[in-house]
Amino acid sequence: PGSESNVKEIFDKCWELRSSGEDLVIFNQFDEFGNYLWHYEVTGRAMMEVLGEVMESGDRFRATVSNTGSGGTIACGDYMKEQFPLSKVVASEALQCPTLLNNGFGAHRIEGIGDKHVPWIHNVKNTDIVTAIDDNGPMGLIRLFNEAVGQEYLVSQGVAADLVADLPLLGISSVANVLASIKTAKYYDMDENDVIITVATDSMEMYQSRLVELTEEEGEFSNLDAAGVFQRYLLGESIDNMQELTYADRKRVHNLKYFTWVEQQGKTYEEIQAQWYDHDYWTSIHGHVDEIDALIDSFNKRTGLLETL
């Protein structure tokens, strides 16, 4: 029971399991730097490959946008900012639980992003923008993108049929990423030569039951519903509920880590200070790639797994 915001309860259960005496290992994606490093190195490089295919002469790369979630995916923004130092890293969360935006709390329906805390592995000092997405937007848009009536409406509005056919590849948190990207583009008055990149972190294959539930709760999705969702949440996405972070704003967000990670989860005062003041803290993590790759290669050789592929 609970919602996407109930991360604290998960942490509590993990401590209970640790204290049980059972022989177990807990992988906490919110504080495992392997999560951060994978997205920095792998997702970041994948983004560069995509940009190499789609960017044309005169285009400008402007921003990397990601829901915060566990703090892993947004690490690709650190990589992208190294390639494009003037670009922005945009963190997105649910308006119903605006922890980064205004120290807020609450429950929301954007599955796959947990809130009411700042992940230990989120490099807040390198984050430029915070956006908060009303969860009614993604919940409405998954119906628009997946219901036959919604898809027909999109085609009638001039959206290419092949693009409409691909929209089910966007799950709830992916749609939230798209809306945060729209906010960013509007905030900075971007044009057709400005490029933003984000991640489709999930697809609707995971959420078919949510479509059934929405139909049961709200009734069949009509052409009028499609028009309303399209105008309000897609064309109507605004620059409300977002903030361009100053140094002081970033430090405020970073300091929220103290209450989760130092008071509750066993991190030290020295560690949280190092994340902010040690200029080599985050870049030193990047230096472990070759070491970890060698360990992975060694493990694969011992298991013989790759020989069967």
C-alpha atoms as a PDB file:
ATOM      1  CA  PRO A   1       0.000   0.000   0.000  1.00  0.00           C
ATOM      2  CA  GLY A   2       1.034   3.601  -0.545  1.00  0.00           C
ATOM      3  CA  SER A   3       2.048   5.699  -3.536  1.00  0.00           C
ATOM      4  CA  GLU A   4       5.081   6.515  -5.646  1.00  0.00           C
ATOM      5  CA  SER A   5       6.164   8.914  -2.877  1.00  0.00           C
ATOM      6  CA  ASN A   6       6.563   6.251  -0.193  1.00  0.00           C
ATOM      7  CA  VAL A   7      10.328   5.788  -0.473  1.00  0.00           C
ATOM      8  CA  LYS A   8      10.905   6.266   3.276  1.00  0.00           C
ATOM      9  CA  GLU A   9       8.801   3.174   3.946  1.00  0.00           C
ATOM     10  CA  ILE A  10      11.012   1.199   1.555  1.00  0.00           C
ATOM     11  CA  PHE A  11      14.128   2.352   3.394  1.00  0.00           C
ATOM     12  CA  ASP A  12      12.557   1.330   6.719  1.00  0.00           C
ATOM     13  CA  LYS A  13      11.845  -2.152   5.356  1.00  0.00           C
ATOM     14  CA  CYS A  14      15.434  -2.437   4.152  1.00  0.00           C
ATOM     15  CA  TRP A  15      16.716  -1.664   7.651  1.00  0.00           C
ATOM     16  CA  GLU A  16      14.343  -4.289   9.024  1.00  0.00           C
ATOM     17  CA  LEU A  17      15.766  -6.844   6.594  1.00  0.00           C
ATOM     18  CA  ARG A  18      19.348  -5.873   7.445  1.00  0.00           C
ATOM     19  CA  SER A  19      18.597  -6.436  11.125  1.00  0.00           C
ATOM     20  CA  SER A  20      16.952  -9.808  10.526  1.00  0.00           C
ATOM     21  CA  GLY A  21      20.183 -11.777  10.481  1.00  0.00           C
ATOM     22  CA  GLU A  22      19.381 -13.184   7.053  1.00  0.00           C
ATOM     23  CA  ASP A  23      22.209 -13.611   4.552  1.00  0.00           C
ATOM     24  CA  LEU A  24      21.175 -10.958   2.046  1.00  0.00           C
ATOM     25  CA  VAL A  25      22.449  -8.030   0.011  1.00  0.00           C
ATOM     26  CA  ILE A  26      20.354  -4.907  -0.517  1.00  0.00           C
ATOM     27  CA  PHE A  27      20.907  -2.888  -3.682  1.00  0.00           C
ATOM     28  CA  ASN A  28      19.650   0.620  -2.961  1.00  0.00           C
ATOM     29  CA  GLN A  29      19.472   2.468  -6.264  1.00  0.00           C
ATOM     30  CA  PHE A  30      19.110   5.774  -4.408  1.00  0.00           C
ATOM     31  CA  ASP A  31      22.634   5.612  -2.981  1.00  0.00           C
ATOM     32  CA  GLU A  32      24.512   3.118  -5.175  1.00  0.00           C
ATOM     33  CA  PHE A  33      26.993   5.079  -7.279  1.00  0.00           C
ATOM     34  CA  GLY A  34      26.977   2.282  -9.838  1.00  0.00           C
ATOM     35  CA  ASN A  35      23.534   3.610 -10.784  1.00  0.00           C
ATOM     36  CA  TYR A  36      24.898   7.134 -11.194  1.00  0.00           C
ATOM     37  CA  LEU A  37      27.987   5.942 -13.074  1.00  0.00           C
ATOM     38  CA  TRP A  38      26.082   3.693 -15.487  1.00  0.00           C
ATOM     39  CA  HIS A  39      23.861   6.536 -16.640  1.00  0.00           C
ATOM     40  CA  TYR A  40      26.765   8.982 -16.776  1.00  0.00           C
ATOM     41  CA  GLU A  41      28.843   6.665 -18.929  1.00  0.00           C
ATOM     42  CA  VAL A  42      26.292   4.615 -20.895  1.00  0.00           C
ATOM     43  CA  THR A  43      23.183   6.798 -21.166  1.00  0.00           C
ATOM     44  CA  GLY A  44      25.332   9.885 -21.687  1.00  0.00           C
ATOM     45  CA  ARG A  45      27.267   8.300 -24.562  1.00  0.00           C
ATOM     46  CA  ALA A  46      24.052   6.951 -26.075  1.00  0.00           C
ATOM     47  CA  MET A  47      22.656  10.481 -26.056  1.00  0.00           C
ATOM     48  CA  MET A  48      25.722  11.741 -27.884  1.00  0.00           C
ATOM     49  CA  GLU A  49      25.210   9.063 -30.539  1.00  0.00           C
ATOM     50  CA  VAL A  50      21.601  10.170 -30.987  1.00  0.00           C
ATOM     51  CA  LEU A  51      22.616  13.813 -31.303  1.00  0.00           C
ATOM     52  CA  GLY A  52      25.179  12.830 -33.923  1.00  0.00           C
ATOM     53  CA  GLU A  53      22.361  11.352 -35.995  1.00  0.00           C
ATOM     54  CA  VAL A  54      19.720  14.068 -35.602  1.00  0.00           C
ATOM     55  CA  MET A  55      21.496  17.399 -35.149  1.00  0.00           C
ATOM     56  CA  GLU A  56      22.046  19.462 -38.262  1.00  0.00           C
ATOM     57  CA  SER A  57      24.160  22.472 -39.136  1.00  0.00           C
ATOM     58  CA  GLY A  58      23.004  25.457 -37.111  1.00  0.00           C
ATOM     59  CA  ASP A  59      21.432  23.382 -34.343  1.00  0.00           C
ATOM     60  CA  ARG A  60      22.306  24.124 -30.722  1.00  0.00           C
ATOM     61  CA  PHE A  61      22.203  21.591 -27.902  1.00  0.00           C
ATOM     62  CA  ARG A  62      20.498  23.285 -24.964  1.00  0.00           C
ATOM     63  CA  ALA A  63      19.365  20.891 -22.241  1.00  0.00           C
ATOM     64  CA  THR A  64      19.155  17.405 -20.776  1.00  0.00           C
ATOM     65  CA  VAL A  65      15.846  16.712 -19.028  1.00  0.00           C
ATOM     66  CA  SER A  66      15.123  13.894 -16.587  1.00  0.00           C
ATOM     67  CA  ASN A  67      12.803  12.982 -13.765  1.00  0.00           C
ATOM     68  CA  THR A  68      14.862  12.643 -10.610  1.00  0.00           C
ATOM     69  CA  GLY A  69      13.618   9.210  -9.529  1.00  0.00           C
ATOM     70  CA  SER A  70      16.543   7.414  -7.922  1.00  0.00           C
ATOM     71  CA  GLY A  71      19.001  10.052  -9.149  1.00  0.00           C
ATOM     72  CA  GLY A  72      20.531   7.656 -11.668  1.00  0.00           C
ATOM     73  CA  THR A  73      19.226   8.730 -15.061  1.00  0.00           C
ATOM     74  CA  ILE A  74      19.864  12.420 -14.437  1.00  0.00           C
ATOM     75  CA  ALA A  75      23.586  11.595 -14.205  1.00  0.00           C
ATOM     76  CA  CYS A  76      23.583  11.604 -18.008  1.00  0.00           C
ATOM     77  CA  GLY A  77      23.164  15.370 -17.663  1.00  0.00           C
ATOM     78  CA  ASP A  78      26.587  15.581 -16.023  1.00  0.00           C
ATOM     79  CA  TYR A  79      28.084  13.826 -19.048  1.00  0.00           C
ATOM     80  CA  MET A  80      26.201  16.017 -21.508  1.00  0.00           C
ATOM     81  CA  LYS A  81      27.230  19.208 -19.748  1.00  0.00           C
ATOM     82  CA  GLU A  82      30.864  18.154 -20.084  1.00  0.00           C
ATOM     83  CA  GLN A  83      30.327  17.908 -23.856  1.00  0.00           C
ATOM     84  CA  PHE A  84      28.219  21.096 -23.996  1.00  0.00           C
ATOM     85  CA  PRO A  85      29.271  23.326 -21.070  1.00  0.00           C
ATOM     86  CA  LEU A  86      26.568  25.932 -21.752  1.00  0.00           C
ATOM     87  CA  SER A  87      23.753  23.377 -21.701  1.00  0.00           C
ATOM     88  CA  LYS A  88      21.350  22.948 -18.795  1.00  0.00           C
ATOM     89  CA  VAL A  89      20.544  19.961 -16.591  1.00  0.00           C
ATOM     90  CA  VAL A  90      16.823  19.914 -15.810  1.00  0.00           C
ATOM     91  CA  ALA A  91      15.417  17.852 -12.933  1.00  0.00           C
ATOM     92  CA  SER A  92      11.717  17.051 -12.963  1.00  0.00           C
ATOM     93  CA  GLU A  93       9.384  15.824 -10.245  1.00  0.00           C
ATOM     94  CA  ALA A  94       5.652  15.608  -9.535  1.00  0.00           C
ATOM     95  CA  LEU A  95       3.778  18.801  -8.675  1.00  0.00           C
ATOM     96  CA  GLN A  96       1.829  16.809  -6.097  1.00  0.00           C
ATOM     97  CA  CYS A  97       5.122  16.161  -4.258  1.00  0.00           C
ATOM     98  CA  PRO A  98       7.420  19.129  -5.065  1.00  0.00           C
ATOM     99  CA  THR A  99      10.368  18.247  -2.836  1.00  0.00           C
ATOM    100  CA  LEU A 100      13.048  19.943  -4.946  1.00  0.00           C
ATOM    101  CA  LEU A 101      10.899  22.915  -5.928  1.00  0.00           C
ATOM    102  CA  ASN A 102       9.768  23.998  -2.477  1.00  0.00           C
ATOM    103  CA  ASN A 103      10.610  21.284   0.070  1.00  0.00           C
ATOM    104  CA  GLY A 104       7.118  19.924  -0.508  1.00  0.00           C
ATOM    105  CA  PHE A 105       5.603  16.535   0.161  1.00  0.00           C
ATOM    106  CA  GLY A 106       2.559  14.536  -0.869  1.00  0.00           C
ATOM    107  CA  ALA A 107       1.400  11.599  -2.975  1.00  0.00           C
ATOM    108  CA  HIS A 108       1.442  11.394  -6.769  1.00  0.00           C
ATOM    109  CA  ARG A 109       0.749   9.020  -9.673  1.00  0.00           C
ATOM    110  CA  ILE A 110       3.849   9.368 -11.863  1.00  0.00           C
ATOM    111  CA  GLU A 111       5.067   5.810 -11.474  1.00  0.00           C
ATOM    112  CA  GLY A 112       8.783   5.220 -11.366  1.00  0.00           C
ATOM    113  CA  ILE A 113       9.804   8.440  -9.621  1.00  0.00           C
ATOM    114  CA  GLY A 114       9.925   8.447  -5.828  1.00  0.00           C
ATOM    115  CA  ASP A 115       9.869  11.649  -3.840  1.00  0.00           C
ATOM    116  CA  LYS A 116       9.933  13.260  -0.398  1.00  0.00           C
ATOM    117  CA  HIS A 117      13.711  13.002  -0.393  1.00  0.00           C
ATOM    118  CA  VAL A 118      16.751  13.911  -2.501  1.00  0.00           C
ATOM    119  CA  PRO A 119      18.661  10.842  -3.754  1.00  0.00           C
ATOM    120  CA  TRP A 120      22.172  10.535  -2.368  1.00  0.00           C
ATOM    121  CA  ILE A 121      23.589  10.060  -5.875  1.00  0.00           C
ATOM    122  CA  HIS A 122      21.949  13.187  -7.354  1.00  0.00           C
ATOM    123  CA  ASN A 123      24.636  15.768  -8.177  1.00  0.00           C
ATOM    124  CA  VAL A 124      22.468  18.698  -7.141  1.00  0.00           C
ATOM    125  CA  LYS A 125      25.246  21.255  -7.523  1.00  0.00           C
ATOM    126  CA  ASN A 126      25.251  20.583 -11.271  1.00  0.00           C
ATOM    127  CA  THR A 127      21.458  20.902 -11.653  1.00  0.00           C
ATOM    128  CA  ASP A 128      20.212  24.113 -13.275  1.00  0.00           C
ATOM    129  CA  ILE A 129      16.414  23.857 -13.401  1.00  0.00           C
ATOM    130  CA  VAL A 130      13.698  22.163 -11.378  1.00  0.00           C
ATOM    131  CA  THR A 131      10.278  21.529 -12.918  1.00  0.00           C
ATOM    132  CA  ALA A 132       7.178  20.096 -11.245  1.00  0.00           C
ATOM    133  CA  ILE A 133       4.684  18.235 -13.443  1.00  0.00           C
ATOM    134  CA  ASP A 134       1.000  17.951 -12.530  1.00  0.00           C
ATOM    135  CA  ASP A 135       0.361  14.209 -12.536  1.00  0.00           C
ATOM    136  CA  ASN A 136      -2.997  14.816 -14.217  1.00  0.00           C
ATOM    137  CA  GLY A 137      -0.981  15.657 -17.332  1.00  0.00           C
ATOM    138  CA  PRO A 138       0.753  12.294 -17.811  1.00  0.00           C
ATOM    139  CA  MET A 139      -2.362  10.403 -16.704  1.00  0.00           C
ATOM    140  CA  GLY A 140      -4.452  12.200 -19.312  1.00  0.00           C
ATOM    141  CA  LEU A 141      -1.835  11.956 -22.030  1.00  0.00           C
ATOM    142  CA  ILE A 142      -1.364   8.207 -21.699  1.00  0.00           C
ATOM    143  CA  ARG A 143      -5.030   7.916 -22.660  1.00  0.00           C
ATOM    144  CA  LEU A 144      -4.589  10.354 -25.547  1.00  0.00           C
ATOM    145  CA  PHE A 145      -1.535   8.445 -26.796  1.00  0.00           C
ATOM    146  CA  ASN A 146      -2.980   4.935 -26.383  1.00  0.00           C
ATOM    147  CA  GLU A 147      -6.758   5.033 -26.812  1.00  0.00           C
ATOM    148  CA  ALA A 148      -7.920   4.696 -30.431  1.00  0.00           C
ATOM    149  CA  VAL A 149     -10.016   7.859 -30.107  1.00  0.00           C
ATOM    150  CA  GLY A 150      -6.993   9.787 -28.858  1.00  0.00           C
ATOM    151  CA  GLN A 151      -4.729   8.568 -31.624  1.00  0.00           C
ATOM    152  CA  GLU A 152      -7.320   9.455 -34.259  1.00  0.00           C
ATOM    153  CA  TYR A 153      -7.638  12.925 -32.760  1.00  0.00           C
ATOM    154  CA  LEU A 154      -3.876  13.467 -32.891  1.00  0.00           C
ATOM    155  CA  VAL A 155      -3.785  12.520 -36.573  1.00  0.00           C
ATOM    156  CA  SER A 156      -6.667  14.936 -37.213  1.00  0.00           C
ATOM    157  CA  GLN A 157      -4.540  17.687 -35.643  1.00  0.00           C
ATOM    158  CA  GLY A 158      -1.697  17.051 -38.064  1.00  0.00           C
ATOM    159  CA  VAL A 159       0.486  14.722 -36.017  1.00  0.00           C
ATOM    160  CA  ALA A 160       2.174  12.223 -38.343  1.00  0.00           C
ATOM    161  CA  ALA A 161       0.577   8.775 -38.206  1.00  0.00           C
ATOM    162  CA  ASP A 162       3.939   7.015 -37.808  1.00  0.00           C
ATOM    163  CA  LEU A 163       4.732   9.205 -34.800  1.00  0.00           C
ATOM    164  CA  VAL A 164       1.320   8.510 -33.278  1.00  0.00           C
ATOM    165  CA  ALA A 165       1.953   4.785 -33.707  1.00  0.00           C
ATOM    166  CA  ASP A 166       5.119   5.129 -31.618  1.00  0.00           C
ATOM    167  CA  LEU A 167       3.553   7.097 -28.750  1.00  0.00           C
ATOM    168  CA  PRO A 168       2.736   3.938 -26.713  1.00  0.00           C
ATOM    169  CA  LEU A 169       6.503   3.660 -26.267  1.00  0.00           C
ATOM    170  CA  LEU A 170       6.101   6.479 -23.737  1.00  0.00           C
ATOM    171  CA  GLY A 171       5.035   5.327 -20.283  1.00  0.00           C
ATOM    172  CA  ILE A 172       3.844   7.569 -17.468  1.00  0.00           C
ATOM    173  CA  SER A 173       7.242   8.883 -16.366  1.00  0.00           C
ATOM    174  CA  SER A 174       8.359   9.218 -19.998  1.00  0.00           C
ATOM    175  CA  VAL A 175       5.387  11.492 -20.675  1.00  0.00           C
ATOM    176  CA  ALA A 176       6.366  13.522 -17.607  1.00  0.00           C
ATOM    177  CA  ASN A 177       9.844  13.914 -19.123  1.00  0.00           C
ATOM    178  CA  VAL A 178       8.287  15.188 -22.352  1.00  0.00           C
ATOM    179  CA  LEU A 179       6.199  17.745 -20.459  1.00  0.00           C
ATOM    180  CA  ALA A 180       9.263  18.924 -18.527  1.00  0.00           C
ATOM    181  CA  SER A 181      11.070  19.322 -21.857  1.00  0.00           C
ATOM    182  CA  ILE A 182       8.219  21.461 -23.176  1.00  0.00           C
ATOM    183  CA  LYS A 183       8.409  23.630 -20.065  1.00  0.00           C
ATOM    184  CA  THR A 184      12.143  24.077 -20.568  1.00  0.00           C
ATOM    185  CA  ALA A 185      11.754  25.015 -24.232  1.00  0.00           C
ATOM    186  CA  LYS A 186       9.092  27.603 -23.405  1.00  0.00           C
ATOM    187  CA  TYR A 187      11.039  29.040 -20.465  1.00  0.00           C
ATOM    188  CA  TYR A 188      14.104  29.707 -22.618  1.00  0.00           C
ATOM    189  CA  ASP A 189      12.133  30.819 -25.719  1.00  0.00           C
ATOM    190  CA  MET A 190      13.731  28.058 -27.772  1.00  0.00           C
ATOM    191  CA  ASP A 191      13.163  27.633 -31.487  1.00  0.00           C
ATOM    192  CA  GLU A 192      13.466  24.844 -34.055  1.00  0.00           C
ATOM    193  CA  ASN A 193      17.280  24.940 -33.928  1.00  0.00           C
ATOM    194  CA  ASP A 194      17.460  24.390 -30.178  1.00  0.00           C
ATOM    195  CA  VAL A 195      17.802  20.743 -29.166  1.00  0.00           C
ATOM    196  CA  ILE A 196      16.632  19.179 -25.896  1.00  0.00           C
ATOM    197  CA  ILE A 197      17.181  15.523 -25.082  1.00  0.00           C
ATOM    198  CA  THR A 198      15.305  13.386 -22.595  1.00  0.00           C
ATOM    199  CA  VAL A 199      14.756   9.685 -21.949  1.00  0.00           C
ATOM    200  CA  ALA A 200      11.814   7.360 -22.538  1.00  0.00           C
ATOM    201  CA  THR A 201      12.372   5.563 -19.254  1.00  0.00           C
ATOM    202  CA  ASP A 202       9.344   3.286 -19.559  1.00  0.00           C
ATOM    203  CA  SER A 203       6.661   2.253 -22.048  1.00  0.00           C
ATOM    204  CA  MET A 204       2.931   1.679 -21.739  1.00  0.00           C
ATOM    205  CA  GLU A 205       3.533  -2.055 -21.916  1.00  0.00           C
ATOM    206  CA  MET A 206       4.020  -1.777 -18.154  1.00  0.00           C
ATOM    207  CA  TYR A 207       0.847   0.174 -17.489  1.00  0.00           C
ATOM    208  CA  GLN A 208      -2.017  -1.414 -19.419  1.00  0.00           C
ATOM    209  CA  SER A 209      -3.868  -1.938 -16.138  1.00  0.00           C
ATOM    210  CA  ARG A 210      -3.724   1.811 -15.513  1.00  0.00           C
ATOM    211  CA  LEU A 211      -5.632   2.438 -18.740  1.00  0.00           C
ATOM    212  CA  VAL A 212      -8.300   0.000 -17.581  1.00  0.00           C
ATOM    213  CA  GLU A 213      -8.488   1.707 -14.189  1.00  0.00           C
ATOM    214  CA  LEU A 214      -8.800   5.160 -15.767  1.00  0.00           C
ATOM    215  CA  THR A 215     -11.663   3.951 -17.947  1.00  0.00           C
ATOM    216  CA  GLU A 216     -13.406   2.505 -14.899  1.00  0.00           C
ATOM    217  CA  GLU A 217     -12.918   5.733 -12.936  1.00  0.00           C
ATOM    218  CA  GLU A 218     -13.579   8.327 -15.646  1.00  0.00           C
ATOM    219  CA  GLY A 219     -15.558   6.515 -18.326  1.00  0.00           C
ATOM    220  CA  GLU A 220     -14.775   5.909 -21.978  1.00  0.00           C
ATOM    221  CA  PHE A 221     -12.292   8.322 -23.549  1.00  0.00           C
ATOM    222  CA  SER A 222     -14.238  10.501 -25.980  1.00  0.00           C
ATOM    223  CA  ASN A 223     -13.240  12.829 -28.797  1.00  0.00           C
ATOM    224  CA  LEU A 224     -14.084  15.739 -26.487  1.00  0.00           C
ATOM    225  CA  ASP A 225     -11.802  14.277 -23.812  1.00  0.00           C
ATOM    226  CA  ALA A 226      -9.035  13.960 -26.392  1.00  0.00           C
ATOM    227  CA  ALA A 227      -9.394  17.604 -27.405  1.00  0.00           C
ATOM    228  CA  GLY A 228      -9.344  18.725 -23.778  1.00  0.00           C
ATOM    229  CA  VAL A 229      -6.243  16.748 -22.854  1.00  0.00           C
ATOM    230  CA  PHE A 230      -4.440  17.818 -26.031  1.00  0.00           C
ATOM    231  CA  GLN A 231      -5.126  21.510 -25.470  1.00  0.00           C
ATOM    232  CA  ARG A 232      -4.657  21.613 -21.708  1.00  0.00           C
ATOM    233  CA  TYR A 233      -1.709  19.338 -21.079  1.00  0.00           C
ATOM    234  CA  LEU A 234       0.213  19.257 -24.360  1.00  0.00           C
ATOM    235  CA  LEU A 235      -0.263  22.586 -26.120  1.00  0.00           C
ATOM    236  CA  GLY A 236      -1.113  24.273 -22.833  1.00  0.00           C
ATOM    237  CA  GLU A 237       1.958  23.211 -20.849  1.00  0.00           C
ATOM    238  CA  SER A 238       3.288  26.390 -19.234  1.00  0.00           C
ATOM    239  CA  ILE A 239       6.308  27.646 -17.321  1.00  0.00           C
ATOM    240  CA  ASP A 240       4.429  27.550 -14.022  1.00  0.00           C
ATOM    241  CA  ASN A 241       5.920  25.450 -11.235  1.00  0.00           C
ATOM    242  CA  MET A 242       9.531  25.578 -12.328  1.00  0.00           C
ATOM    243  CA  GLN A 243      12.608  27.364 -11.054  1.00  0.00           C
ATOM    244  CA  GLU A 244      16.004  28.277 -12.449  1.00  0.00           C
ATOM    245  CA  LEU A 245      18.322  27.488  -9.560  1.00  0.00           C
ATOM    246  CA  THR A 246      20.772  29.971  -8.081  1.00  0.00           C
ATOM    247  CA  TYR A 247      23.757  28.804  -6.046  1.00  0.00           C
ATOM    248  CA  ALA A 248      21.714  29.271  -2.876  1.00  0.00           C
ATOM    249  CA  ASP A 249      18.773  27.338  -4.353  1.00  0.00           C
ATOM    250  CA  ARG A 250      20.999  24.394  -5.234  1.00  0.00           C
ATOM    251  CA  LYS A 251      22.505  24.377  -1.771  1.00  0.00           C
ATOM    252  CA  ARG A 252      19.011  24.396  -0.244  1.00  0.00           C
ATOM    253  CA  VAL A 253      18.090  21.309  -2.258  1.00  0.00           C
ATOM    254  CA  HIS A 254      21.397  19.601  -1.456  1.00  0.00           C
ATOM    255  CA  ASN A 255      20.940  20.256   2.254  1.00  0.00           C
ATOM    256  CA  LEU A 256      17.701  18.252   2.198  1.00  0.00           C
ATOM    257  CA  LYS A 257      19.894  15.170   1.797  1.00  0.00           C
ATOM    258  CA  TYR A 258      20.941  15.561   5.424  1.00  0.00           C
ATOM    259  CA  PHE A 259      17.573  14.580   6.860  1.00  0.00           C
ATOM    260  CA  THR A 260      17.284  11.367   4.853  1.00  0.00           C
ATOM    261  CA  TRP A 261      20.852  10.230   4.496  1.00  0.00           C
ATOM    262  CA  VAL A 262      22.734  11.457   7.566  1.00  0.00           C
ATOM    263  CA  GLU A 263      19.954  11.353  10.172  1.00  0.00           C
ATOM    264  CA  GLN A 264      18.270   8.169   8.925  1.00  0.00           C
ATOM    265  CA  GLN A 265      20.504   6.170   6.588  1.00  0.00           C
ATOM    266  CA  GLY A 266      23.936   6.202   8.181  1.00  0.00           C
ATOM    267  CA  LYS A 267      25.823   8.615   5.938  1.00  0.00           C
ATOM    268  CA  THR A 268      28.269  10.970   7.640  1.00  0.00           C
ATOM    269  CA  TYR A 269      28.475  14.733   7.980  1.00  0.00           C
ATOM    270  CA  GLU A 270      31.843  14.598   6.233  1.00  0.00           C
ATOM    271  CA  GLU A 271      30.353  12.759   3.248  1.00  0.00           C
ATOM    272  CA  ILE A 272      27.512  15.189   2.664  1.00  0.00           C
ATOM    273  CA  GLN A 273      29.905  18.123   2.961  1.00  0.00           C
ATOM    274  CA  ALA A 274      32.284  16.483   0.489  1.00  0.00           C
ATOM    275  CA  GLN A 275      29.490  16.154  -2.071  1.00  0.00           C
ATOM    276  CA  TRP A 276      29.148  19.933  -2.048  1.00  0.00           C
ATOM    277  CA  TYR A 277      32.642  21.284  -1.326  1.00  0.00           C
ATOM    278  CA  ASP A 278      35.052  18.675  -2.739  1.00  0.00           C
ATOM    279  CA  HIS A 279      35.559  19.642  -6.386  1.00  0.00           C
ATOM    280  CA  ASP A 280      36.813  16.142  -7.214  1.00  0.00           C
ATOM    281  CA  TYR A 281      33.980  14.231  -5.514  1.00  0.00           C
ATOM    282  CA  TRP A 282      31.826  13.563  -8.576  1.00  0.00           C
ATOM    283  CA  THR A 283      34.594  13.435 -11.176  1.00  0.00           C
ATOM    284  CA  SER A 284      36.471  10.867  -9.088  1.00  0.00           C
ATOM    285  CA  ILE A 285      33.463   8.549  -9.444  1.00  0.00           C
ATOM    286  CA  HIS A 286      33.797   8.787 -13.230  1.00  0.00           C
ATOM    287  CA  GLY A 287      37.317   7.402 -12.948  1.00  0.00           C
ATOM    288  CA  HIS A 288      36.077   3.971 -11.823  1.00  0.00           C
ATOM    289  CA  VAL A 289      34.660   2.984 -15.228  1.00  0.00           C
ATOM    290  CA  ASP A 290      37.654   0.959 -16.452  1.00  0.00           C
ATOM    291  CA  GLU A 291      38.035  -0.763 -13.079  1.00  0.00           C
ATOM    292  CA  ILE A 292      34.375  -1.806 -12.994  1.00  0.00           C
ATOM    293  CA  ASP A 293      34.424  -2.905 -16.650  1.00  0.00           C
ATOM    294  CA  ALA A 294      37.384  -5.171 -15.881  1.00  0.00           C
ATOM    295  CA  LEU A 295      35.485  -6.734 -12.976  1.00  0.00           C
ATOM    296  CA  ILE A 296      32.448  -7.294 -15.195  1.00  0.00           C
ATOM    297  CA  ASP A 297      34.600  -8.938 -17.873  1.00  0.00           C
ATOM    298  CA  SER A 298      36.194 -11.167 -15.249  1.00  0.00           C
ATOM    299  CA  PHE A 299      32.807 -12.179 -13.862  1.00  0.00           C
ATOM    300  CA  ASN A 300      31.448 -12.958 -17.328  1.00  0.00           C
ATOM    301  CA  LYS A 301      34.453 -15.132 -18.115  1.00  0.00           C
ATOM    302  CA  ARG A 302      34.023 -17.083 -14.880  1.00  0.00           C
ATOM    303  CA  THR A 303      30.349 -17.737 -15.562  1.00  0.00           C
ATOM    304  CA  GLY A 304      30.883 -18.586 -19.233  1.00  0.00           C
ATOM    305  CA  LEU A 305      27.721 -16.637 -20.012  1.00  0.00           C
ATOM    306  CA  LEU A 306      29.044 -14.782 -23.048  1.00  0.00           C
ATOM    307  CA  GLU A 307      30.277 -17.988 -24.654  1.00  0.00           C
ATOM    308  CA  THR A 308      26.682 -19.171 -25.024  1.00  0.00           C
ATOM    309  CA  LEU A 309      25.492 -16.025 -26.790  1.00  0.00           C
END
